[in-house]
């Protein structure tokens, strides 16, 4: 089973400007054949159907731990797309056709279907499909497929990086280059250990050093390219049977298995409203107020600007700085107790 934390795998800030056509391009990294939906679901279903996982525990733990990380990768790339879309649609009265320019965007699904948000599709608007999942039950075949999958994914990341200068996109892609490279190397190393074939000699594929990319290089500098995380405090530690020894395909430093999640995980930015798209509604004051009242009844403190608690609703009482942070918000006085 999975537990969930309200954090992104990496700190992420809002970009200075929207880039809706860039968002359409990097949809490939989410819902394409080699996108994060594919890596997640391949490893997820391979782990569910894994045969003799106790006897083959180092290999099972490898697939299972990478599965958990891929959930975070799906969230990261989805967040990047949403940040690139934020602000791309103007507000206005419906009769003034504020969405008219959206018909010229590469992906109108973002506007019409997603309400200004990502879709589970590739860069050409084809929805992701389970036909991209390969789960054969054969250990070597699945590991070989996973190596190929990560190779295609890495190639697409380097291509998409060159398609946009949007900083949110580049921050996420740079990180995913490094982590995808870890997974590519891990499957190559697993194949080497189970078959003796020197698959790691094919690394890196494509033959470009991630250190050329500033947003990737910073993760290499702290050793992220040689660490595999278990995403569990107690399970999947036997992945060290595969992920161990020197990274002879890279800098030669020792590989590390880290229990739990990356220490740099952080809360992500809040995606703002877009009333023209009814997100979260055309006139959301009432539902904002309902949420504020529910939080007050629950004894939850209002969010104060800058406190980092992005997950919490910005409070509605007039004397709360949180109320003034939302333009146009209705506010209610503090409830008074009846005598």
C-alpha atoms as a PDB file:
ATOM      1  CA  UNK A   1       0.000   0.000   0.000  1.00  0.00           C
ATOM      2  CA  UNK A   2       1.025   3.623  -0.232  1.00  0.00           C
ATOM      3  CA  UNK A   3       1.087   6.539   2.157  1.00  0.00           C
ATOM      4  CA  UNK A   4       1.003  10.128   0.928  1.00  0.00           C
ATOM      5  CA  UNK A   5       2.764  13.310   1.996  1.00  0.00           C
ATOM      6  CA  UNK A   6       1.709  16.783   0.886  1.00  0.00           C
ATOM      7  CA  UNK A   7       5.097  17.602  -0.550  1.00  0.00           C
ATOM      8  CA  UNK A   8       6.684  17.638  -3.966  1.00  0.00           C
ATOM      9  CA  UNK A   9       9.881  15.691  -4.490  1.00  0.00           C
ATOM     10  CA  UNK A  10      11.750  18.974  -5.031  1.00  0.00           C
ATOM     11  CA  UNK A  11      11.190  22.623  -4.117  1.00  0.00           C
ATOM     12  CA  UNK A  12       9.403  24.352  -6.978  1.00  0.00           C
ATOM     13  CA  UNK A  13       8.518  28.007  -7.509  1.00  0.00           C
ATOM     14  CA  UNK A  14       6.069  29.647  -9.864  1.00  0.00           C
ATOM     15  CA  UNK A  15       7.527  30.796 -13.188  1.00  0.00           C
ATOM     16  CA  UNK A  16       7.465  34.479 -14.118  1.00  0.00           C
ATOM     17  CA  UNK A  17       5.190  33.963 -17.131  1.00  0.00           C
ATOM     18  CA  UNK A  18       2.751  31.344 -18.440  1.00  0.00           C
ATOM     19  CA  UNK A  19       3.745  29.115 -21.347  1.00  0.00           C
ATOM     20  CA  UNK A  20       0.658  27.175 -22.524  1.00  0.00           C
ATOM     21  CA  UNK A  21       2.264  25.880 -25.719  1.00  0.00           C
ATOM     22  CA  UNK A  22       5.289  24.757 -23.726  1.00  0.00           C
ATOM     23  CA  UNK A  23       2.871  22.978 -21.398  1.00  0.00           C
ATOM     24  CA  UNK A  24       1.394  21.204 -24.412  1.00  0.00           C
ATOM     25  CA  UNK A  25       4.866  20.026 -25.435  1.00  0.00           C
ATOM     26  CA  UNK A  26       5.855  18.613 -22.070  1.00  0.00           C
ATOM     27  CA  UNK A  27       2.570  16.717 -21.858  1.00  0.00           C
ATOM     28  CA  UNK A  28       4.699  14.110 -23.666  1.00  0.00           C
ATOM     29  CA  UNK A  29       6.654  13.616 -20.436  1.00  0.00           C
ATOM     30  CA  UNK A  30       3.418  12.840 -18.611  1.00  0.00           C
ATOM     31  CA  UNK A  31       1.186  10.881 -20.967  1.00  0.00           C
ATOM     32  CA  UNK A  32       3.469   9.857 -23.801  1.00  0.00           C
ATOM     33  CA  UNK A  33       4.605   6.302 -24.522  1.00  0.00           C
ATOM     34  CA  UNK A  34       7.806   7.016 -22.576  1.00  0.00           C
ATOM     35  CA  UNK A  35       6.191   9.430 -20.097  1.00  0.00           C
ATOM     36  CA  UNK A  36       5.856   9.206 -16.335  1.00  0.00           C
ATOM     37  CA  UNK A  37       2.432   7.557 -16.559  1.00  0.00           C
ATOM     38  CA  UNK A  38       4.085   4.746 -18.493  1.00  0.00           C
ATOM     39  CA  UNK A  39       7.044   4.295 -16.163  1.00  0.00           C
ATOM     40  CA  UNK A  40       4.713   4.364 -13.143  1.00  0.00           C
ATOM     41  CA  UNK A  41       2.215   1.866 -14.477  1.00  0.00           C
ATOM     42  CA  UNK A  42       4.779  -0.510 -15.940  1.00  0.00           C
ATOM     43  CA  UNK A  43       6.607  -0.845 -12.625  1.00  0.00           C
ATOM     44  CA  UNK A  44       3.405  -0.743 -10.571  1.00  0.00           C
ATOM     45  CA  UNK A  45       1.815  -3.683 -12.352  1.00  0.00           C
ATOM     46  CA  UNK A  46       5.086  -5.594 -12.625  1.00  0.00           C
ATOM     47  CA  UNK A  47       5.406  -5.297  -8.835  1.00  0.00           C
ATOM     48  CA  UNK A  48       1.790  -6.412  -8.305  1.00  0.00           C
ATOM     49  CA  UNK A  49       2.303  -9.474 -10.490  1.00  0.00           C
ATOM     50  CA  UNK A  50       5.886 -10.249  -9.452  1.00  0.00           C
ATOM     51  CA  UNK A  51       6.524 -14.005  -9.192  1.00  0.00           C
ATOM     52  CA  UNK A  52       8.439 -15.402  -6.178  1.00  0.00           C
ATOM     53  CA  UNK A  53       9.142 -11.968  -4.745  1.00  0.00           C
ATOM     54  CA  UNK A  54      10.591 -13.465  -1.561  1.00  0.00           C
ATOM     55  CA  UNK A  55      13.126 -15.604  -3.421  1.00  0.00           C
ATOM     56  CA  UNK A  56      13.922 -12.735  -5.800  1.00  0.00           C
ATOM     57  CA  UNK A  57      13.639  -9.982  -3.211  1.00  0.00           C
ATOM     58  CA  UNK A  58      16.510  -7.702  -4.354  1.00  0.00           C
ATOM     59  CA  UNK A  59      14.920  -7.474  -7.809  1.00  0.00           C
ATOM     60  CA  UNK A  60      11.387  -7.118  -6.429  1.00  0.00           C
ATOM     61  CA  UNK A  61      12.509  -4.381  -4.047  1.00  0.00           C
ATOM     62  CA  UNK A  62      14.118  -2.552  -6.964  1.00  0.00           C
ATOM     63  CA  UNK A  63      10.915  -2.458  -9.008  1.00  0.00           C
ATOM     64  CA  UNK A  64       8.750  -1.695  -5.961  1.00  0.00           C
ATOM     65  CA  UNK A  65      10.840   1.204  -4.658  1.00  0.00           C
ATOM     66  CA  UNK A  66      11.132   2.816  -8.096  1.00  0.00           C
ATOM     67  CA  UNK A  67       7.351   2.467  -8.448  1.00  0.00           C
ATOM     68  CA  UNK A  68       6.846   4.686  -5.404  1.00  0.00           C
ATOM     69  CA  UNK A  69       9.209   7.328  -6.762  1.00  0.00           C
ATOM     70  CA  UNK A  70       7.381   7.342 -10.085  1.00  0.00           C
ATOM     71  CA  UNK A  71       4.193   8.427  -8.316  1.00  0.00           C
ATOM     72  CA  UNK A  72       6.101  11.533  -7.267  1.00  0.00           C
ATOM     73  CA  UNK A  73       7.363  12.039 -10.819  1.00  0.00           C
ATOM     74  CA  UNK A  74       3.802  12.003 -12.159  1.00  0.00           C
ATOM     75  CA  UNK A  75       2.916  14.654  -9.587  1.00  0.00           C
ATOM     76  CA  UNK A  76       5.965  16.765 -10.458  1.00  0.00           C
ATOM     77  CA  UNK A  77       5.413  16.900 -14.192  1.00  0.00           C
ATOM     78  CA  UNK A  78       1.672  17.509 -13.693  1.00  0.00           C
ATOM     79  CA  UNK A  79       2.488  20.407 -11.368  1.00  0.00           C
ATOM     80  CA  UNK A  80       4.919  21.873 -13.891  1.00  0.00           C
ATOM     81  CA  UNK A  81       2.254  21.759 -16.614  1.00  0.00           C
ATOM     82  CA  UNK A  82      -0.275  23.430 -14.322  1.00  0.00           C
ATOM     83  CA  UNK A  83       2.190  26.175 -13.378  1.00  0.00           C
ATOM     84  CA  UNK A  84       2.887  26.816 -17.058  1.00  0.00           C
ATOM     85  CA  UNK A  85      -0.845  27.113 -17.714  1.00  0.00           C
ATOM     86  CA  UNK A  86      -1.588  29.406 -14.785  1.00  0.00           C
ATOM     87  CA  UNK A  87      -2.353  32.920 -16.026  1.00  0.00           C
ATOM     88  CA  UNK A  88      -2.640  31.899 -19.680  1.00  0.00           C
ATOM     89  CA  UNK A  89      -6.387  32.590 -19.767  1.00  0.00           C
ATOM     90  CA  UNK A  90      -7.667  36.108 -19.005  1.00  0.00           C
ATOM     91  CA  UNK A  91     -10.581  36.843 -16.715  1.00  0.00           C
ATOM     92  CA  UNK A  92     -13.651  38.584 -18.085  1.00  0.00           C
ATOM     93  CA  UNK A  93     -17.370  38.520 -18.618  1.00  0.00           C
ATOM     94  CA  UNK A  94     -18.594  35.481 -20.586  1.00  0.00           C
ATOM     95  CA  UNK A  95     -20.184  37.714 -23.246  1.00  0.00           C
ATOM     96  CA  UNK A  96     -16.787  39.303 -23.913  1.00  0.00           C
ATOM     97  CA  UNK A  97     -15.329  35.919 -24.989  1.00  0.00           C
ATOM     98  CA  UNK A  98     -12.315  36.019 -22.660  1.00  0.00           C
ATOM     99  CA  UNK A  99     -11.326  32.537 -23.845  1.00  0.00           C
ATOM    100  CA  UNK A 100     -11.198  33.425 -27.521  1.00  0.00           C
ATOM    101  CA  UNK A 101      -7.406  33.350 -27.766  1.00  0.00           C
ATOM    102  CA  UNK A 102      -7.378  29.859 -26.262  1.00  0.00           C
ATOM    103  CA  UNK A 103      -8.652  28.438 -29.552  1.00  0.00           C
ATOM    104  CA  UNK A 104      -5.206  29.181 -31.011  1.00  0.00           C
ATOM    105  CA  UNK A 105      -3.312  27.205 -28.371  1.00  0.00           C
ATOM    106  CA  UNK A 106      -1.810  23.830 -29.291  1.00  0.00           C
ATOM    107  CA  UNK A 107      -3.878  21.961 -26.719  1.00  0.00           C
ATOM    108  CA  UNK A 108      -7.409  23.265 -26.243  1.00  0.00           C
ATOM    109  CA  UNK A 109      -8.146  20.345 -23.903  1.00  0.00           C
ATOM    110  CA  UNK A 110      -6.226  22.260 -21.240  1.00  0.00           C
ATOM    111  CA  UNK A 111      -8.878  24.973 -21.407  1.00  0.00           C
ATOM    112  CA  UNK A 112     -12.080  23.173 -22.366  1.00  0.00           C
ATOM    113  CA  UNK A 113     -11.655  19.880 -20.506  1.00  0.00           C
ATOM    114  CA  UNK A 114      -9.083  20.565 -17.805  1.00  0.00           C
ATOM    115  CA  UNK A 115     -10.222  24.000 -16.641  1.00  0.00           C
ATOM    116  CA  UNK A 116      -6.697  25.303 -17.102  1.00  0.00           C
ATOM    117  CA  UNK A 117      -5.045  22.116 -15.911  1.00  0.00           C
ATOM    118  CA  UNK A 118      -3.034  19.162 -17.192  1.00  0.00           C
ATOM    119  CA  UNK A 119      -4.536  16.199 -18.983  1.00  0.00           C
ATOM    120  CA  UNK A 120      -3.408  12.565 -18.964  1.00  0.00           C
ATOM    121  CA  UNK A 121      -2.317  12.693 -22.590  1.00  0.00           C
ATOM    122  CA  UNK A 122       0.739  13.113 -24.771  1.00  0.00           C
ATOM    123  CA  UNK A 123       1.927  16.233 -26.611  1.00  0.00           C
ATOM    124  CA  UNK A 124      -0.409  15.572 -29.549  1.00  0.00           C
ATOM    125  CA  UNK A 125      -3.548  15.142 -27.455  1.00  0.00           C
ATOM    126  CA  UNK A 126      -3.691  11.341 -27.424  1.00  0.00           C
ATOM    127  CA  UNK A 127      -4.854  10.068 -24.054  1.00  0.00           C
ATOM    128  CA  UNK A 128      -2.514   7.732 -22.195  1.00  0.00           C
ATOM    129  CA  UNK A 129      -3.449   4.084 -22.530  1.00  0.00           C
ATOM    130  CA  UNK A 130      -2.742   0.877 -20.654  1.00  0.00           C
ATOM    131  CA  UNK A 131      -1.462  -0.555 -23.935  1.00  0.00           C
ATOM    132  CA  UNK A 132       1.844   1.098 -22.971  1.00  0.00           C
ATOM    133  CA  UNK A 133       2.212  -1.345 -20.050  1.00  0.00           C
ATOM    134  CA  UNK A 134       4.473  -4.375 -20.435  1.00  0.00           C
ATOM    135  CA  UNK A 135       4.260  -6.872 -17.587  1.00  0.00           C
ATOM    136  CA  UNK A 136       5.305 -10.301 -18.825  1.00  0.00           C
ATOM    137  CA  UNK A 137       6.066 -12.133 -15.577  1.00  0.00           C
ATOM    138  CA  UNK A 138       9.555 -12.926 -16.915  1.00  0.00           C
ATOM    139  CA  UNK A 139      12.187 -11.192 -14.792  1.00  0.00           C
ATOM    140  CA  UNK A 140      14.793 -10.592 -17.489  1.00  0.00           C
ATOM    141  CA  UNK A 141      12.256  -9.513 -20.099  1.00  0.00           C
ATOM    142  CA  UNK A 142      10.673  -7.020 -17.701  1.00  0.00           C
ATOM    143  CA  UNK A 143      14.037  -5.609 -16.590  1.00  0.00           C
ATOM    144  CA  UNK A 144      15.143  -5.261 -20.209  1.00  0.00           C
ATOM    145  CA  UNK A 145      11.890  -3.516 -21.098  1.00  0.00           C
ATOM    146  CA  UNK A 146      12.311  -1.150 -18.146  1.00  0.00           C
ATOM    147  CA  UNK A 147      15.830  -0.245 -19.237  1.00  0.00           C
ATOM    148  CA  UNK A 148      14.527   0.541 -22.721  1.00  0.00           C
ATOM    149  CA  UNK A 149      11.620   2.530 -21.251  1.00  0.00           C
ATOM    150  CA  UNK A 150      13.948   4.672 -19.148  1.00  0.00           C
ATOM    151  CA  UNK A 151      16.228   5.170 -22.160  1.00  0.00           C
ATOM    152  CA  UNK A 152      13.375   6.533 -24.271  1.00  0.00           C
ATOM    153  CA  UNK A 153      12.194   8.657 -21.352  1.00  0.00           C
ATOM    154  CA  UNK A 154      15.634  10.209 -20.896  1.00  0.00           C
ATOM    155  CA  UNK A 155      15.840  11.061 -24.587  1.00  0.00           C
ATOM    156  CA  UNK A 156      12.447  12.771 -24.512  1.00  0.00           C
ATOM    157  CA  UNK A 157      13.378  14.772 -21.419  1.00  0.00           C
ATOM    158  CA  UNK A 158      16.465  16.169 -23.125  1.00  0.00           C
ATOM    159  CA  UNK A 159      14.400  17.075 -26.190  1.00  0.00           C
ATOM    160  CA  UNK A 160      11.599  18.714 -24.212  1.00  0.00           C
ATOM    161  CA  UNK A 161      14.129  20.696 -22.162  1.00  0.00           C
ATOM    162  CA  UNK A 162      15.199  22.381 -25.377  1.00  0.00           C
ATOM    163  CA  UNK A 163      11.598  23.246 -26.303  1.00  0.00           C
ATOM    164  CA  UNK A 164      10.908  25.725 -23.483  1.00  0.00           C
ATOM    165  CA  UNK A 165      12.735  28.259 -21.337  1.00  0.00           C
ATOM    166  CA  UNK A 166       9.969  28.212 -18.719  1.00  0.00           C
ATOM    167  CA  UNK A 167      11.824  27.784 -15.449  1.00  0.00           C
ATOM    168  CA  UNK A 168       9.255  25.556 -13.751  1.00  0.00           C
ATOM    169  CA  UNK A 169       9.486  23.131 -16.671  1.00  0.00           C
ATOM    170  CA  UNK A 170      13.276  23.222 -16.745  1.00  0.00           C
ATOM    171  CA  UNK A 171      13.567  22.721 -12.981  1.00  0.00           C
ATOM    172  CA  UNK A 172      11.388  19.620 -13.132  1.00  0.00           C
ATOM    173  CA  UNK A 173      12.954  18.220 -16.310  1.00  0.00           C
ATOM    174  CA  UNK A 174      16.481  18.711 -14.992  1.00  0.00           C
ATOM    175  CA  UNK A 175      15.641  16.771 -11.852  1.00  0.00           C
ATOM    176  CA  UNK A 176      13.880  14.027 -13.796  1.00  0.00           C
ATOM    177  CA  UNK A 177      16.902  13.685 -16.085  1.00  0.00           C
ATOM    178  CA  UNK A 178      19.010  12.765 -13.065  1.00  0.00           C
ATOM    179  CA  UNK A 179      16.482  10.509 -11.378  1.00  0.00           C
ATOM    180  CA  UNK A 180      15.504   8.829 -14.636  1.00  0.00           C
ATOM    181  CA  UNK A 181      19.204   8.233 -15.214  1.00  0.00           C
ATOM    182  CA  UNK A 182      19.361   6.489 -11.820  1.00  0.00           C
ATOM    183  CA  UNK A 183      16.501   4.207 -12.795  1.00  0.00           C
ATOM    184  CA  UNK A 184      18.049   3.517 -16.195  1.00  0.00           C
ATOM    185  CA  UNK A 185      21.332   2.586 -14.504  1.00  0.00           C
ATOM    186  CA  UNK A 186      19.545   0.504 -11.852  1.00  0.00           C
ATOM    187  CA  UNK A 187      17.825  -1.682 -14.430  1.00  0.00           C
ATOM    188  CA  UNK A 188      21.086  -2.009 -16.377  1.00  0.00           C
ATOM    189  CA  UNK A 189      22.869  -3.063 -13.197  1.00  0.00           C
ATOM    190  CA  UNK A 190      20.123  -5.557 -12.362  1.00  0.00           C
ATOM    191  CA  UNK A 191      20.461  -7.089 -15.827  1.00  0.00           C
ATOM    192  CA  UNK A 192      24.218  -7.310 -15.380  1.00  0.00           C
ATOM    193  CA  UNK A 193      23.841  -9.080 -12.050  1.00  0.00           C
ATOM    194  CA  UNK A 194      21.204 -11.560 -13.189  1.00  0.00           C
ATOM    195  CA  UNK A 195      22.629 -12.349 -16.647  1.00  0.00           C
ATOM    196  CA  UNK A 196      26.261 -11.230 -16.635  1.00  0.00           C
ATOM    197  CA  UNK A 197      25.660  -9.029 -19.679  1.00  0.00           C
ATOM    198  CA  UNK A 198      27.426  -5.665 -19.342  1.00  0.00           C
ATOM    199  CA  UNK A 199      24.370  -3.534 -20.066  1.00  0.00           C
ATOM    200  CA  UNK A 200      25.863  -0.656 -18.066  1.00  0.00           C
ATOM    201  CA  UNK A 201      28.420  -0.182 -20.858  1.00  0.00           C
ATOM    202  CA  UNK A 202      25.580   1.302 -22.899  1.00  0.00           C
ATOM    203  CA  UNK A 203      25.294   4.227 -20.454  1.00  0.00           C
ATOM    204  CA  UNK A 204      24.657   7.056 -20.888  1.00  0.00           C
ATOM    205  CA  UNK A 205      22.091   6.709 -23.650  1.00  0.00           C
ATOM    206  CA  UNK A 206      21.575   9.146 -25.297  1.00  0.00           C
ATOM    207  CA  UNK A 207      25.262   9.988 -24.986  1.00  0.00           C
ATOM    208  CA  UNK A 208      25.008  13.375 -23.312  1.00  0.00           C
ATOM    209  CA  UNK A 209      26.296  14.262 -19.858  1.00  0.00           C
ATOM    210  CA  UNK A 210      23.495  15.619 -17.662  1.00  0.00           C
ATOM    211  CA  UNK A 211      26.103  17.947 -16.159  1.00  0.00           C
ATOM    212  CA  UNK A 212      25.694  20.088 -19.290  1.00  0.00           C
ATOM    213  CA  UNK A 213      22.226  21.026 -17.991  1.00  0.00           C
ATOM    214  CA  UNK A 214      22.382  23.463 -15.027  1.00  0.00           C
ATOM    215  CA  UNK A 215      19.060  22.242 -13.606  1.00  0.00           C
ATOM    216  CA  UNK A 216      20.401  18.673 -13.644  1.00  0.00           C
ATOM    217  CA  UNK A 217      23.962  19.419 -12.603  1.00  0.00           C
ATOM    218  CA  UNK A 218      22.916  20.802  -9.211  1.00  0.00           C
ATOM    219  CA  UNK A 219      21.376  17.419  -8.329  1.00  0.00           C
ATOM    220  CA  UNK A 220      24.495  15.574  -9.417  1.00  0.00           C
ATOM    221  CA  UNK A 221      26.576  17.847  -7.208  1.00  0.00           C
ATOM    222  CA  UNK A 222      24.732  16.632  -4.100  1.00  0.00           C
ATOM    223  CA  UNK A 223      24.967  12.981  -5.148  1.00  0.00           C
ATOM    224  CA  UNK A 224      21.383  12.387  -6.280  1.00  0.00           C
ATOM    225  CA  UNK A 225      22.651  10.509  -9.355  1.00  0.00           C
ATOM    226  CA  UNK A 226      24.003   7.642  -7.216  1.00  0.00           C
ATOM    227  CA  UNK A 227      21.210   7.330  -4.636  1.00  0.00           C
ATOM    228  CA  UNK A 228      18.199   5.059  -4.726  1.00  0.00           C
ATOM    229  CA  UNK A 229      15.407   5.763  -2.232  1.00  0.00           C
ATOM    230  CA  UNK A 230      13.211   3.037  -0.758  1.00  0.00           C
ATOM    231  CA  UNK A 231      10.245   5.368  -0.054  1.00  0.00           C
ATOM    232  CA  UNK A 232       9.660   3.267   3.048  1.00  0.00           C
ATOM    233  CA  UNK A 233      11.287   3.447   6.471  1.00  0.00           C
ATOM    234  CA  UNK A 234      11.160  -0.309   6.977  1.00  0.00           C
ATOM    235  CA  UNK A 235      10.679  -2.116   3.643  1.00  0.00           C
ATOM    236  CA  UNK A 236      12.499  -2.633   0.331  1.00  0.00           C
ATOM    237  CA  UNK A 237      15.987  -2.398   1.848  1.00  0.00           C
ATOM    238  CA  UNK A 238      17.140  -5.497  -0.026  1.00  0.00           C
ATOM    239  CA  UNK A 239      17.379  -3.346  -3.143  1.00  0.00           C
ATOM    240  CA  UNK A 240      20.947  -2.852  -1.906  1.00  0.00           C
ATOM    241  CA  UNK A 241      21.655  -6.292  -3.310  1.00  0.00           C
ATOM    242  CA  UNK A 242      21.312  -4.722  -6.755  1.00  0.00           C
ATOM    243  CA  UNK A 243      22.135  -1.053  -6.137  1.00  0.00           C
ATOM    244  CA  UNK A 244      25.607  -1.384  -4.627  1.00  0.00           C
ATOM    245  CA  UNK A 245      29.237  -1.041  -5.594  1.00  0.00           C
ATOM    246  CA  UNK A 246      30.874   1.732  -7.624  1.00  0.00           C
ATOM    247  CA  UNK A 247      29.030   3.646 -10.342  1.00  0.00           C
ATOM    248  CA  UNK A 248      31.565   2.569 -12.936  1.00  0.00           C
ATOM    249  CA  UNK A 249      29.399   4.020 -15.732  1.00  0.00           C
ATOM    250  CA  UNK A 250      29.576   7.482 -14.146  1.00  0.00           C
ATOM    251  CA  UNK A 251      31.990   8.962 -11.597  1.00  0.00           C
ATOM    252  CA  UNK A 252      32.995   5.680  -9.947  1.00  0.00           C
ATOM    253  CA  UNK A 253      31.622   6.721  -6.550  1.00  0.00           C
ATOM    254  CA  UNK A 254      29.790   4.234  -4.343  1.00  0.00           C
ATOM    255  CA  UNK A 255      26.078   3.739  -4.877  1.00  0.00           C
ATOM    256  CA  UNK A 256      23.813   4.409  -1.900  1.00  0.00           C
ATOM    257  CA  UNK A 257      20.418   3.129  -0.792  1.00  0.00           C
ATOM    258  CA  UNK A 258      18.564   5.670   1.345  1.00  0.00           C
ATOM    259  CA  UNK A 259      15.654   4.612   3.536  1.00  0.00           C
ATOM    260  CA  UNK A 260      12.573   6.766   3.150  1.00  0.00           C
ATOM    261  CA  UNK A 261      12.147   9.780   0.908  1.00  0.00           C
ATOM    262  CA  UNK A 262      14.541  12.467  -0.345  1.00  0.00           C
ATOM    263  CA  UNK A 263      15.431  14.961   2.359  1.00  0.00           C
ATOM    264  CA  UNK A 264      14.904  17.894  -0.005  1.00  0.00           C
ATOM    265  CA  UNK A 265      11.175  17.242  -0.587  1.00  0.00           C
ATOM    266  CA  UNK A 266       9.151  20.402   0.017  1.00  0.00           C
ATOM    267  CA  UNK A 267       5.626  21.792  -0.204  1.00  0.00           C
ATOM    268  CA  UNK A 268       4.774  23.082  -3.624  1.00  0.00           C
ATOM    269  CA  UNK A 269       3.141  26.289  -4.793  1.00  0.00           C
ATOM    270  CA  UNK A 270      -0.626  26.779  -4.856  1.00  0.00           C
ATOM    271  CA  UNK A 271      -2.234  26.965  -8.294  1.00  0.00           C
ATOM    272  CA  UNK A 272      -4.496  30.003  -8.316  1.00  0.00           C
ATOM    273  CA  UNK A 273      -8.124  30.287  -9.335  1.00  0.00           C
ATOM    274  CA  UNK A 274      -9.400  31.037 -12.845  1.00  0.00           C
ATOM    275  CA  UNK A 275     -13.010  32.169 -12.716  1.00  0.00           C
ATOM    276  CA  UNK A 276     -13.397  32.281 -16.490  1.00  0.00           C
ATOM    277  CA  UNK A 277     -12.855  28.511 -16.462  1.00  0.00           C
ATOM    278  CA  UNK A 278     -15.025  27.956 -13.357  1.00  0.00           C
ATOM    279  CA  UNK A 279     -11.935  26.735 -11.497  1.00  0.00           C
ATOM    280  CA  UNK A 280     -12.787  26.175  -8.723  1.00  0.00           C
ATOM    281  CA  UNK A 281     -15.987  28.013  -9.706  1.00  0.00           C
ATOM    282  CA  UNK A 282     -17.218  31.150 -11.479  1.00  0.00           C
ATOM    283  CA  UNK A 283     -18.009  32.872  -8.164  1.00  0.00           C
ATOM    284  CA  UNK A 284     -16.111  30.813  -5.584  1.00  0.00           C
ATOM    285  CA  UNK A 285     -16.614  33.098  -2.568  1.00  0.00           C
ATOM    286  CA  UNK A 286     -19.292  30.869  -1.082  1.00  0.00           C
ATOM    287  CA  UNK A 287     -17.233  27.682  -1.221  1.00  0.00           C
ATOM    288  CA  UNK A 288     -14.215  29.595   0.126  1.00  0.00           C
ATOM    289  CA  UNK A 289     -16.389  30.656   3.043  1.00  0.00           C
ATOM    290  CA  UNK A 290     -17.671  27.133   3.641  1.00  0.00           C
ATOM    291  CA  UNK A 291     -14.092  25.839   3.712  1.00  0.00           C
ATOM    292  CA  UNK A 292     -13.064  28.595   6.146  1.00  0.00           C
ATOM    293  CA  UNK A 293     -15.918  27.749   8.494  1.00  0.00           C
ATOM    294  CA  UNK A 294     -15.100  24.034   8.359  1.00  0.00           C
ATOM    295  CA  UNK A 295     -11.501  24.766   9.237  1.00  0.00           C
ATOM    296  CA  UNK A 296     -12.498  27.043  12.104  1.00  0.00           C
ATOM    297  CA  UNK A 297     -14.785  24.319  13.478  1.00  0.00           C
ATOM    298  CA  UNK A 298     -11.928  21.880  13.179  1.00  0.00           C
ATOM    299  CA  UNK A 299      -9.605  24.154  15.130  1.00  0.00           C
ATOM    300  CA  UNK A 300      -7.270  24.603  12.176  1.00  0.00           C
ATOM    301  CA  UNK A 301      -5.281  27.826  12.168  1.00  0.00           C
ATOM    302  CA  UNK A 302      -5.723  30.098   9.147  1.00  0.00           C
ATOM    303  CA  UNK A 303      -2.817  30.216   6.734  1.00  0.00           C
ATOM    304  CA  UNK A 304      -0.609  33.239   7.141  1.00  0.00           C
ATOM    305  CA  UNK A 305       1.212  34.507   4.041  1.00  0.00           C
ATOM    306  CA  UNK A 306       4.745  33.220   3.945  1.00  0.00           C
ATOM    307  CA  UNK A 307       4.347  30.504   6.571  1.00  0.00           C
ATOM    308  CA  UNK A 308       4.992  27.779   4.007  1.00  0.00           C
ATOM    309  CA  UNK A 309       1.816  25.835   4.785  1.00  0.00           C
ATOM    310  CA  UNK A 310       0.599  25.891   1.212  1.00  0.00           C
ATOM    311  CA  UNK A 311      -1.912  23.155   1.840  1.00  0.00           C
ATOM    312  CA  UNK A 312      -4.010  25.266   4.179  1.00  0.00           C
ATOM    313  CA  UNK A 313      -6.789  27.555   3.168  1.00  0.00           C
ATOM    314  CA  UNK A 314      -6.055  31.239   3.675  1.00  0.00           C
ATOM    315  CA  UNK A 315      -8.284  32.267   6.594  1.00  0.00           C
ATOM    316  CA  UNK A 316     -11.323  34.452   6.233  1.00  0.00           C
ATOM    317  CA  UNK A 317     -11.536  36.389   9.483  1.00  0.00           C
ATOM    318  CA  UNK A 318     -11.025  40.129   8.827  1.00  0.00           C
ATOM    319  CA  UNK A 319      -8.055  40.476  11.151  1.00  0.00           C
ATOM    320  CA  UNK A 320      -6.203  37.615   9.509  1.00  0.00           C
ATOM    321  CA  UNK A 321      -3.492  38.545   6.979  1.00  0.00           C
ATOM    322  CA  UNK A 322      -4.571  35.452   5.128  1.00  0.00           C
ATOM    323  CA  UNK A 323      -7.898  37.042   4.202  1.00  0.00           C
ATOM    324  CA  UNK A 324      -6.342  40.011   2.467  1.00  0.00           C
ATOM    325  CA  UNK A 325      -4.119  37.696   0.432  1.00  0.00           C
ATOM    326  CA  UNK A 326      -7.093  36.706  -1.708  1.00  0.00           C
ATOM    327  CA  UNK A 327      -8.507  39.579  -3.731  1.00  0.00           C
ATOM    328  CA  UNK A 328     -12.275  39.745  -3.722  1.00  0.00           C
ATOM    329  CA  UNK A 329     -12.704  37.366  -0.802  1.00  0.00           C
ATOM    330  CA  UNK A 330     -15.709  37.730   1.451  1.00  0.00           C
ATOM    331  CA  UNK A 331     -14.793  37.708   5.104  1.00  0.00           C
ATOM    332  CA  UNK A 332     -16.770  36.919   8.217  1.00  0.00           C
ATOM    333  CA  UNK A 333     -16.190  38.115  11.753  1.00  0.00           C
ATOM    334  CA  UNK A 334     -14.865  35.820  14.417  1.00  0.00           C
ATOM    335  CA  UNK A 335     -17.730  33.799  15.859  1.00  0.00           C
ATOM    336  CA  UNK A 336     -18.854  35.051  19.272  1.00  0.00           C
ATOM    337  CA  UNK A 337     -20.042  32.786  22.002  1.00  0.00           C
ATOM    338  CA  UNK A 338     -23.604  33.195  23.202  1.00  0.00           C
ATOM    339  CA  UNK A 339     -23.972  34.113  26.831  1.00  0.00           C
END
